[in-house]
Amino acid sequence: MAQNVTAPMVGKIVDIKVKVGDRVQEDDEVAVLEAMKMEMPIVAPISGVVKEIRVSVGQTCETDMVMMVIE
């Protein structure tokens, strides 16, 4: 079953650590979000394969925006 990786708060994507097709484990760091001048690691909520990446480096995200899909 697919699960979305969402932004916990408004911020800017400064790094994407995976690509489509990569296998990840639960709690692996998949991206880095900069918010309020702090970098926040974004982690995989489940183990699986990255099916879709909906953001790019430099993009601003809103709270709860879907950043990627892991299946």
N, C-alpha and C. Protein backbone atom coordinates (compact mmCIF):
# COMPACT_ATOMS: atom_id res chain seq x y z
N MET A 1 0.84 -1.18 0.00
CA MET A 1 0.00 0.00 0.00
C MET A 1 0.89 1.25 0.00
N ALA A 2 0.59 2.19 -0.85
CA ALA A 2 1.38 3.42 -0.97
C ALA A 2 1.11 4.35 0.20
N GLN A 3 2.15 5.09 0.57
CA GLN A 3 2.00 6.08 1.62
C GLN A 3 2.69 7.36 1.18
N ASN A 4 2.05 8.49 1.46
CA ASN A 4 2.60 9.79 1.11
C ASN A 4 3.61 10.26 2.16
N VAL A 5 4.64 10.94 1.68
CA VAL A 5 5.58 11.64 2.55
C VAL A 5 5.17 13.11 2.44
N THR A 6 4.79 13.72 3.57
CA THR A 6 4.28 15.09 3.53
C THR A 6 5.20 16.05 4.28
N ALA A 7 5.10 17.31 3.92
CA ALA A 7 5.88 18.36 4.57
C ALA A 7 5.26 18.66 5.94
N PRO A 8 6.07 18.66 7.01
CA PRO A 8 5.54 18.92 8.34
C PRO A 8 5.23 20.39 8.59
N MET A 9 5.81 21.28 7.77
CA MET A 9 5.58 22.72 7.92
C MET A 9 5.98 23.42 6.63
N VAL A 10 5.68 24.70 6.55
CA VAL A 10 6.08 25.49 5.39
C VAL A 10 7.60 25.60 5.38
N GLY A 11 8.20 25.41 4.22
CA GLY A 11 9.65 25.51 4.11
C GLY A 11 10.10 25.30 2.68
N LYS A 12 11.42 25.31 2.49
CA LYS A 12 12.01 25.15 1.16
C LYS A 12 12.80 23.86 1.12
N ILE A 13 12.65 23.10 0.03
CA ILE A 13 13.41 21.87 -0.17
C ILE A 13 14.85 22.24 -0.49
N VAL A 14 15.80 21.75 0.33
CA VAL A 14 17.21 22.05 0.08
C VAL A 14 17.98 20.82 -0.41
N ASP A 15 17.40 19.61 -0.24
CA ASP A 15 18.06 18.40 -0.72
C ASP A 15 17.05 17.29 -0.85
N ILE A 16 17.19 16.49 -1.91
CA ILE A 16 16.41 15.27 -2.08
C ILE A 16 17.41 14.14 -2.11
N LYS A 17 17.29 13.21 -1.19
CA LYS A 17 18.31 12.17 -0.99
C LYS A 17 18.01 10.87 -1.72
N VAL A 18 16.85 10.78 -2.40
CA VAL A 18 16.47 9.55 -3.09
C VAL A 18 16.02 9.89 -4.50
N LYS A 19 15.85 8.85 -5.31
CA LYS A 19 15.28 9.02 -6.64
C LYS A 19 14.21 7.94 -6.84
N VAL A 20 13.39 8.11 -7.83
CA VAL A 20 12.35 7.13 -8.12
C VAL A 20 12.99 5.77 -8.35
N GLY A 21 12.44 4.76 -7.70
CA GLY A 21 12.95 3.40 -7.83
C GLY A 21 13.85 2.99 -6.68
N ASP A 22 14.30 3.95 -5.87
CA ASP A 22 15.16 3.61 -4.72
C ASP A 22 14.36 2.88 -3.66
N ARG A 23 14.99 1.90 -3.03
CA ARG A 23 14.39 1.19 -1.89
C ARG A 23 14.81 1.92 -0.62
N VAL A 24 13.85 2.20 0.26
CA VAL A 24 14.13 2.88 1.52
C VAL A 24 13.57 2.07 2.68
N GLN A 25 14.18 2.27 3.83
CA GLN A 25 13.69 1.66 5.07
C GLN A 25 12.95 2.73 5.87
N GLU A 26 12.03 2.29 6.71
CA GLU A 26 11.32 3.22 7.58
C GLU A 26 12.34 4.05 8.36
N ASP A 27 12.11 5.34 8.43
CA ASP A 27 12.96 6.33 9.12
C ASP A 27 14.24 6.69 8.37
N ASP A 28 14.45 6.19 7.13
CA ASP A 28 15.57 6.68 6.31
C ASP A 28 15.29 8.13 5.93
N GLU A 29 16.34 8.94 5.88
CA GLU A 29 16.19 10.33 5.46
C GLU A 29 16.00 10.37 3.95
N VAL A 30 14.91 11.01 3.49
CA VAL A 30 14.63 11.05 2.05
C VAL A 30 14.75 12.46 1.47
N ALA A 31 14.67 13.48 2.34
CA ALA A 31 14.79 14.86 1.88
C ALA A 31 15.16 15.74 3.07
N VAL A 32 15.53 16.99 2.75
CA VAL A 32 15.83 17.98 3.79
C VAL A 32 15.02 19.24 3.48
N LEU A 33 14.30 19.72 4.50
CA LEU A 33 13.46 20.90 4.39
C LEU A 33 14.07 22.00 5.26
N GLU A 34 14.20 23.19 4.71
CA GLU A 34 14.68 24.33 5.50
C GLU A 34 13.49 25.18 5.91
N ALA A 35 13.33 25.37 7.22
CA ALA A 35 12.24 26.17 7.74
C ALA A 35 12.75 26.97 8.93
N MET A 36 12.45 28.24 8.98
CA MET A 36 12.87 29.12 10.07
C MET A 36 14.39 29.05 10.28
N LYS A 37 15.14 29.01 9.18
CA LYS A 37 16.60 28.98 9.18
C LYS A 37 17.18 27.72 9.82
N MET A 38 16.38 26.66 9.92
CA MET A 38 16.86 25.37 10.42
C MET A 38 16.62 24.32 9.35
N GLU A 39 17.52 23.35 9.26
CA GLU A 39 17.32 22.23 8.34
C GLU A 39 16.65 21.09 9.08
N MET A 40 15.59 20.55 8.49
CA MET A 40 14.83 19.49 9.11
C MET A 40 14.85 18.25 8.20
N PRO A 41 15.36 17.12 8.69
CA PRO A 41 15.34 15.91 7.87
C PRO A 41 13.90 15.40 7.72
N ILE A 42 13.57 14.98 6.51
CA ILE A 42 12.28 14.36 6.24
C ILE A 42 12.56 12.87 6.08
N VAL A 43 11.84 12.03 6.83
CA VAL A 43 12.13 10.60 6.83
C VAL A 43 10.98 9.80 6.23
N ALA A 44 11.32 8.60 5.76
CA ALA A 44 10.32 7.70 5.18
C ALA A 44 9.40 7.17 6.28
N PRO A 45 8.08 7.26 6.09
CA PRO A 45 7.15 6.75 7.10
C PRO A 45 7.03 5.23 7.09
N ILE A 46 7.43 4.61 5.96
CA ILE A 46 7.36 3.15 5.82
C ILE A 46 8.56 2.67 5.02
N SER A 47 8.83 1.38 5.07
CA SER A 47 9.83 0.77 4.19
C SER A 47 9.16 0.49 2.86
N GLY A 48 9.90 0.67 1.77
CA GLY A 48 9.32 0.40 0.46
C GLY A 48 10.17 0.99 -0.64
N VAL A 49 9.53 1.24 -1.79
CA VAL A 49 10.20 1.77 -2.97
C VAL A 49 9.61 3.14 -3.29
N VAL A 50 10.48 4.10 -3.60
CA VAL A 50 10.03 5.44 -3.97
C VAL A 50 9.36 5.35 -5.33
N LYS A 51 8.06 5.66 -5.38
CA LYS A 51 7.30 5.56 -6.64
C LYS A 51 7.19 6.89 -7.36
N GLU A 52 7.19 7.98 -6.59
CA GLU A 52 6.96 9.29 -7.20
C GLU A 52 7.61 10.37 -6.33
N ILE A 53 8.23 11.34 -6.96
CA ILE A 53 8.76 12.51 -6.26
C ILE A 53 8.07 13.73 -6.85
N ARG A 54 7.37 14.47 -6.00
CA ARG A 54 6.55 15.59 -6.47
C ARG A 54 7.16 16.96 -6.19
N VAL A 55 8.38 17.01 -5.67
CA VAL A 55 9.03 18.28 -5.36
C VAL A 55 10.42 18.31 -5.99
N SER A 56 11.00 19.49 -6.03
CA SER A 56 12.37 19.64 -6.53
C SER A 56 13.13 20.58 -5.60
N VAL A 57 14.44 20.51 -5.65
CA VAL A 57 15.29 21.36 -4.82
C VAL A 57 14.98 22.83 -5.14
N GLY A 58 14.82 23.61 -4.09
CA GLY A 58 14.52 25.03 -4.24
C GLY A 58 13.03 25.35 -4.17
N GLN A 59 12.20 24.33 -4.26
CA GLN A 59 10.76 24.53 -4.23
C GLN A 59 10.28 24.81 -2.81
N THR A 60 9.30 25.70 -2.67
CA THR A 60 8.68 25.97 -1.38
C THR A 60 7.50 25.04 -1.20
N CYS A 61 7.40 24.45 -0.02
CA CYS A 61 6.32 23.52 0.30
C CYS A 61 5.39 24.12 1.33
N GLU A 62 4.13 23.79 1.24
CA GLU A 62 3.15 24.17 2.25
C GLU A 62 3.00 23.02 3.23
N THR A 63 2.48 23.30 4.42
CA THR A 63 2.24 22.26 5.42
C THR A 63 1.35 21.17 4.84
N ASP A 64 1.71 19.92 5.05
CA ASP A 64 0.98 18.73 4.60
C ASP A 64 0.98 18.51 3.09
N MET A 65 1.80 19.26 2.37
CA MET A 65 1.93 19.03 0.92
C MET A 65 2.61 17.68 0.69
N VAL A 66 2.11 16.92 -0.27
CA VAL A 66 2.72 15.62 -0.59
C VAL A 66 4.02 15.86 -1.35
N MET A 67 5.12 15.37 -0.74
CA MET A 67 6.44 15.54 -1.34
C MET A 67 6.84 14.35 -2.20
N MET A 68 6.48 13.14 -1.74
CA MET A 68 6.78 11.93 -2.50
C MET A 68 5.85 10.81 -2.06
N VAL A 69 5.85 9.74 -2.86
CA VAL A 69 5.02 8.58 -2.57
C VAL A 69 5.93 7.36 -2.47
N ILE A 70 5.75 6.59 -1.40
CA ILE A 70 6.51 5.36 -1.19
C ILE A 70 5.51 4.21 -1.16
N GLU A 71 5.84 3.16 -1.87
CA GLU A 71 4.94 1.99 -1.94
C GLU A 71 5.65 0.75 -1.48
